[in-house]
Amino acid sequence: MSDTSALNQQIKDVLVDELMLDVTSDEIGDEMPLMGPDSLGLDSVDALQLVVAIEKHFGLKISDAEAAKGILQSVTTIATAINDSGASPAKA
């Protein structure tokens, strides 16, 4: 498993665990939109929880709504932001 797919899987696990989703991490596609039409169905409250979870688990601080809008599009965009920031997953 590559580093990218491992990070994507960790993000999916965080989504399912932290947001208590009714889907498994295997049902979430890397490019699946998280919000909006034909998406995972997250809302603004979920987005706030996800921002906190990303900081807690990956050390990535998302400082404003515009940044969040770009980052919280899909698992891939979250992983890219984590990689670009140099943040790394917290050790459990």
Protein backbone atom coordinates (compact mmCIF):
# COMPACT_ATOMS: atom_id res chain seq x y z
CA MET A 1 0.00 0.00 0.00
CA SER A 2 1.48 3.36 -0.98
CA ASP A 3 1.81 6.29 1.38
CA THR A 4 -0.97 8.08 -0.52
CA SER A 5 -3.43 5.23 -0.27
CA ALA A 6 -2.52 4.71 3.40
CA LEU A 7 -3.16 8.39 4.13
CA ASN A 8 -6.44 8.28 2.18
CA GLN A 9 -7.52 5.26 4.24
CA GLN A 10 -6.65 7.05 7.49
CA ILE A 11 -8.72 10.06 6.40
CA LYS A 12 -11.67 7.80 5.55
CA ASP A 13 -11.38 6.11 8.95
CA VAL A 14 -11.38 9.53 10.66
CA LEU A 15 -14.45 10.57 8.65
CA VAL A 16 -16.37 7.45 9.68
CA ASP A 17 -15.24 7.46 13.33
CA GLU A 18 -15.35 11.18 14.14
CA LEU A 19 -18.57 11.97 12.24
CA MET A 20 -20.26 8.69 13.14
CA LEU A 21 -21.24 8.08 9.53
CA ASP A 22 -23.61 5.32 8.49
CA VAL A 23 -21.15 4.08 5.86
CA THR A 24 -17.90 2.16 6.07
CA SER A 25 -14.59 3.66 5.03
CA ASP A 26 -14.58 1.23 2.07
CA GLU A 27 -17.74 2.92 0.72
CA ILE A 28 -16.06 6.34 0.54
CA GLY A 29 -14.30 7.01 -2.75
CA ASP A 30 -11.12 9.09 -2.84
CA GLU A 31 -12.74 11.58 -5.23
CA MET A 32 -16.28 11.41 -3.77
CA PRO A 33 -17.52 14.93 -2.94
CA LEU A 34 -17.99 15.30 0.81
CA MET A 35 -20.73 17.96 0.54
CA GLY A 36 -23.32 19.00 -2.01
CA PRO A 37 -25.24 17.01 -4.63
CA ASP A 38 -24.22 13.37 -5.21
CA SER A 39 -21.92 13.52 -2.19
CA LEU A 40 -21.27 11.79 1.10
CA GLY A 41 -23.88 14.15 2.52
CA LEU A 42 -21.87 16.16 5.04
CA ASP A 43 -23.33 19.45 6.28
CA SER A 44 -21.79 22.56 7.85
CA VAL A 45 -21.79 21.03 11.35
CA ASP A 46 -19.98 17.97 9.99
CA ALA A 47 -17.49 20.29 8.28
CA LEU A 48 -16.67 21.98 11.59
CA GLN A 49 -16.21 18.61 13.29
CA LEU A 50 -14.03 17.47 10.41
CA VAL A 51 -11.78 20.55 10.68
CA VAL A 52 -11.22 19.75 14.37
CA ALA A 53 -10.64 16.05 13.62
CA ILE A 54 -8.12 16.82 10.87
CA GLU A 55 -6.14 19.04 13.22
CA LYS A 56 -6.30 16.43 15.99
CA HIS A 57 -5.32 13.45 13.84
CA PHE A 58 -3.06 15.02 11.21
CA GLY A 59 -1.85 18.32 12.70
CA LEU A 60 -3.26 20.37 9.81
CA LYS A 61 -4.71 23.70 10.94
CA ILE A 62 -7.44 25.02 8.64
CA SER A 63 -7.63 28.68 9.56
CA ASP A 64 -10.52 30.10 7.57
CA ALA A 65 -13.70 29.24 5.68
CA GLU A 66 -12.19 29.83 2.24
CA ALA A 67 -9.33 27.44 2.98
CA ALA A 68 -11.80 24.90 4.35
CA LYS A 69 -13.95 25.15 1.23
CA GLY A 70 -11.00 24.15 -0.93
CA ILE A 71 -9.62 21.48 1.38
CA LEU A 72 -12.86 19.71 2.39
CA GLN A 73 -13.93 18.75 -1.12
CA SER A 74 -12.87 15.10 -1.06
CA VAL A 75 -10.51 12.65 0.62
CA THR A 76 -7.96 13.45 -2.08
CA THR A 77 -8.06 17.21 -1.45
CA ILE A 78 -7.67 16.64 2.30
CA ALA A 79 -4.69 14.32 1.70
CA THR A 80 -3.10 16.86 -0.64
CA ALA A 81 -3.46 19.61 1.98
CA ILE A 82 -1.93 17.38 4.65
CA ASN A 83 0.99 16.46 2.40
CA ASP A 84 1.53 20.06 1.25
CA SER A 85 1.57 21.32 4.83
CA GLY A 86 4.14 18.81 5.97
CA ALA A 87 1.73 17.69 8.69
CA SER A 88 1.82 14.04 9.64
CA PRO A 89 -0.65 11.67 11.25
CA ALA A 90 -0.64 11.66 15.04
CA LYS A 91 0.50 8.40 16.53
CA ALA A 92 -2.27 6.67 18.42
